[in-house]
C-alpha atoms as a PDB file:
ATOM      1  CA  MET A   1     109.669 128.502 197.150  1.00  0.00           C
ATOM      2  CA  ALA A   2     112.837 129.018 195.190  1.00  0.00           C
ATOM      3  CA  LYS A   3     113.020 128.507 191.464  1.00  0.00           C
ATOM      4  CA  LYS A   4     114.999 125.562 190.228  1.00  0.00           C
ATOM      5  CA  SER A   5     117.932 126.414 188.089  1.00  0.00           C
ATOM      6  CA  GLY A   6     119.680 124.340 185.474  1.00  0.00           C
ATOM      7  CA  ILE A   7     118.336 121.488 183.412  1.00  0.00           C
ATOM      8  CA  GLY A   8     115.625 120.491 185.860  1.00  0.00           C
ATOM      9  CA  GLN A   9     113.447 123.448 184.959  1.00  0.00           C
ATOM     10  CA  TYR A  10     113.017 122.211 181.383  1.00  0.00           C
ATOM     11  CA  PHE A  11     111.527 118.900 182.494  1.00  0.00           C
ATOM     12  CA  GLU A  12     108.638 120.439 184.368  1.00  0.00           C
ATOM     13  CA  LEU A  13     105.232 120.794 182.731  1.00  0.00           C
ATOM     14  CA  GLY A  14     105.126 124.453 183.689  1.00  0.00           C
ATOM     15  CA  PHE A  15     107.728 125.201 181.044  1.00  0.00           C
ATOM     16  CA  LEU A  16     105.439 124.101 178.206  1.00  0.00           C
ATOM     17  CA  THR A  17     102.350 126.124 178.841  1.00  0.00           C
ATOM     18  CA  SER A  18      99.221 125.912 176.788  1.00  0.00           C
ATOM     19  CA  GLU A  19      99.855 129.417 175.514  1.00  0.00           C
ATOM     20  CA  LEU A  20     103.237 128.400 174.041  1.00  0.00           C
ATOM     21  CA  ILE A  21     101.758 125.298 172.383  1.00  0.00           C
ATOM     22  CA  LEU A  22      98.818 127.182 170.900  1.00  0.00           C
ATOM     23  CA  LYS A  23     101.104 129.949 169.718  1.00  0.00           C
ATOM     24  CA  ASN A  24     103.262 127.482 167.753  1.00  0.00           C
ATOM     25  CA  LEU A  25     100.475 125.094 166.701  1.00  0.00           C
ATOM     26  CA  SER A  26     100.599 126.108 163.046  1.00  0.00           C
ATOM     27  CA  PHE A  27     104.366 125.510 162.965  1.00  0.00           C
ATOM     28  CA  ILE A  28     103.971 122.113 164.658  1.00  0.00           C
ATOM     29  CA  LEU A  29     101.297 121.100 162.143  1.00  0.00           C
ATOM     30  CA  PHE A  30     103.499 122.287 159.272  1.00  0.00           C
ATOM     31  CA  MET A  31     106.437 120.237 160.570  1.00  0.00           C
ATOM     32  CA  GLY A  32     104.150 117.195 160.915  1.00  0.00           C
ATOM     33  CA  PHE A  33     102.965 117.664 157.352  1.00  0.00           C
ATOM     34  CA  LEU A  34     106.576 117.857 156.134  1.00  0.00           C
ATOM     35  CA  ALA A  35     107.404 114.683 158.073  1.00  0.00           C
ATOM     36  CA  VAL A  36     104.512 112.829 156.399  1.00  0.00           C
ATOM     37  CA  ILE A  37     105.647 114.063 152.959  1.00  0.00           C
ATOM     38  CA  TYR A  38     109.230 113.001 153.722  1.00  0.00           C
ATOM     39  CA  ILE A  39     108.149 109.493 154.758  1.00  0.00           C
ATOM     40  CA  ALA A  40     105.900 109.120 151.709  1.00  0.00           C
ATOM     41  CA  ASN A  41     108.685 110.284 149.404  1.00  0.00           C
ATOM     42  CA  SER A  42     111.185 107.807 150.849  1.00  0.00           C
ATOM     43  CA  ARG A  43     108.704 104.935 150.505  1.00  0.00           C
ATOM     44  CA  PHE A  44     107.977 105.933 146.903  1.00  0.00           C
ATOM     45  CA  ALA A  45     111.706 106.056 146.130  1.00  0.00           C
ATOM     46  CA  GLU A  46     112.288 102.609 147.668  1.00  0.00           C
ATOM     47  CA  LYS A  47     109.387 101.198 145.671  1.00  0.00           C
ATOM     48  CA  ASN A  48     110.889 102.605 142.470  1.00  0.00           C
ATOM     49  CA  VAL A  49     114.314 101.156 143.296  1.00  0.00           C
ATOM     50  CA  ARG A  50     112.806  97.694 143.881  1.00  0.00           C
ATOM     51  CA  HIS A  51     110.884  97.956 140.603  1.00  0.00           C
ATOM     52  CA  ILE A  52     114.027  98.952 138.690  1.00  0.00           C
ATOM     53  CA  GLN A  53     115.965  96.047 140.205  1.00  0.00           C
ATOM     54  CA  GLN A  54     113.196  93.627 139.199  1.00  0.00           C
ATOM     55  CA  LEU A  55     113.234  94.981 135.646  1.00  0.00           C
ATOM     56  CA  GLN A  56     117.015  94.588 135.500  1.00  0.00           C
ATOM     57  CA  ARG A  57     116.719  90.941 136.609  1.00  0.00           C
ATOM     58  CA  ASP A  58     114.038  90.329 133.982  1.00  0.00           C
ATOM     59  CA  LEU A  59     116.161  91.995 131.302  1.00  0.00           C
ATOM     60  CA  ARG A  60     119.189  89.879 132.228  1.00  0.00           C
ATOM     61  CA  GLU A  61     117.076  86.709 132.051  1.00  0.00           C
ATOM     62  CA  LEU A  62     115.593  87.676 128.684  1.00  0.00           C
ATOM     63  CA  ARG A  63     119.067  88.450 127.360  1.00  0.00           C
ATOM     64  CA  TRP A  64     120.236  84.965 128.415  1.00  0.00           C
ATOM     65  CA  GLN A  65     117.244  83.402 126.673  1.00  0.00           C
ATOM     66  CA  TYR A  66     117.952  85.421 123.526  1.00  0.00           C
ATOM     67  CA  MET A  67     121.592  84.359 123.465  1.00  0.00           C
ATOM     68  CA  THR A  68     120.604  80.716 123.994  1.00  0.00           C
ATOM     69  CA  LEU A  69     118.074  80.813 121.168  1.00  0.00           C
ATOM     70  CA  GLU A  70     120.519  82.609 118.904  1.00  0.00           C
ATOM     71  CA  SER A  71     123.228  79.996 119.468  1.00  0.00           C
ATOM     72  CA  GLU A  72     120.739  77.169 118.863  1.00  0.00           C
ATOM     73  CA  ASN A  73     119.615  78.859 115.654  1.00  0.00           C
ATOM     74  CA  MET A  74     123.227  79.259 114.487  1.00  0.00           C
ATOM     75  CA  TYR A  75     123.910  75.586 115.225  1.00  0.00           C
ATOM     76  CA  ASN A  76     120.746  74.343 113.516  1.00  0.00           C
ATOM     77  CA  SER A  77     121.335  76.442 110.391  1.00  0.00           C
ATOM     78  CA  ARG A  78     124.713  74.864 109.616  1.00  0.00           C
ATOM     79  CA  GLN A  79     124.795  72.945 106.351  1.00  0.00           C
ATOM     80  CA  SER A  80     125.668  69.653 108.049  1.00  0.00           C
ATOM     81  CA  GLU A  81     122.764  70.007 110.501  1.00  0.00           C
ATOM     82  CA  LEU A  82     120.350  70.889 107.710  1.00  0.00           C
ATOM     83  CA  ALA A  83     121.494  67.831 105.749  1.00  0.00           C
ATOM     84  CA  GLU A  84     120.973  65.681 108.845  1.00  0.00           C
ATOM     85  CA  GLN A  85     117.480  67.045 109.413  1.00  0.00           C
ATOM     86  CA  LEU A  86     116.451  66.774 105.761  1.00  0.00           C
ATOM     87  CA  LYS A  87     117.781  63.216 105.429  1.00  0.00           C
ATOM     88  CA  ASP A  88     114.684  61.940 107.258  1.00  0.00           C
ATOM     89  CA  GLU A  89     112.433  63.602 104.664  1.00  0.00           C
ATOM     90  CA  ASN A  90     114.285  62.069 101.674  1.00  0.00           C
ATOM     91  CA  PHE A  91     115.945  65.294 100.583  1.00  0.00           C
ATOM     92  CA  GLU A  92     119.519  65.039  99.412  1.00  0.00           C
ATOM     93  CA  ALA A  93     122.182  67.661  99.819  1.00  0.00           C
ATOM     94  CA  PHE A  94     124.318  68.719  96.916  1.00  0.00           C
ATOM     95  CA  GLY A  95     127.168  66.308  96.313  1.00  0.00           C
ATOM     96  CA  THR A  96     129.686  68.939  95.329  1.00  0.00           C
ATOM     97  CA  GLN A  97     131.328  71.432  97.549  1.00  0.00           C
ATOM     98  CA  PRO A  98     130.845  75.112  96.885  1.00  0.00           C
ATOM     99  CA  LYS A  99     133.277  76.678  94.429  1.00  0.00           C
ATOM    100  CA  ARG A 100     135.502  79.543  95.388  1.00  0.00           C
ATOM    101  CA  ILE A 101     135.815  82.576  93.148  1.00  0.00           C
ATOM    102  CA  VAL A 102     139.043  84.555  93.372  1.00  0.00           C
ATOM    103  CA  VAL A 103     139.190  88.055  91.975  1.00  0.00           C
ATOM    104  CA  GLN A 104     142.615  89.449  91.135  1.00  0.00           C
ATOM    105  CA  ASP A 105     143.442  93.088  91.510  1.00  0.00           C
ATOM    106  CA  LYS A 106     144.685  95.064  88.468  1.00  0.00           C
ATOM    107  CA  ASN A 107     147.961  95.746  90.237  1.00  0.00           C
ATOM    108  CA  ASP A 108     148.731  92.026  90.521  1.00  0.00           C
ATOM    109  CA  TYR A 109     149.545  91.677  86.754  1.00  0.00           C
END
């Protein structure tokens, strides 16, 4: 029987003999181990990316809450708002407006 030439010879089981597989078994196991490490590393990286994105969303939300509370605090600490809030408790605000002090520079004389 004549040997087949070309690509067809690579598809036969005779090409991959047990001797060839056993000879390269350690290399095959090493490549499998590297594949498992590669897959685990990519999953770990994706998990970290998702965690970082979640933390960024939480930080953005907390920043919005902080800015909202800060603006409410600024509004509620105005003198007119304090007078309005203290009116219910029978406190009176000062009747006079604050006085302005102007300091002149020595060079202005």
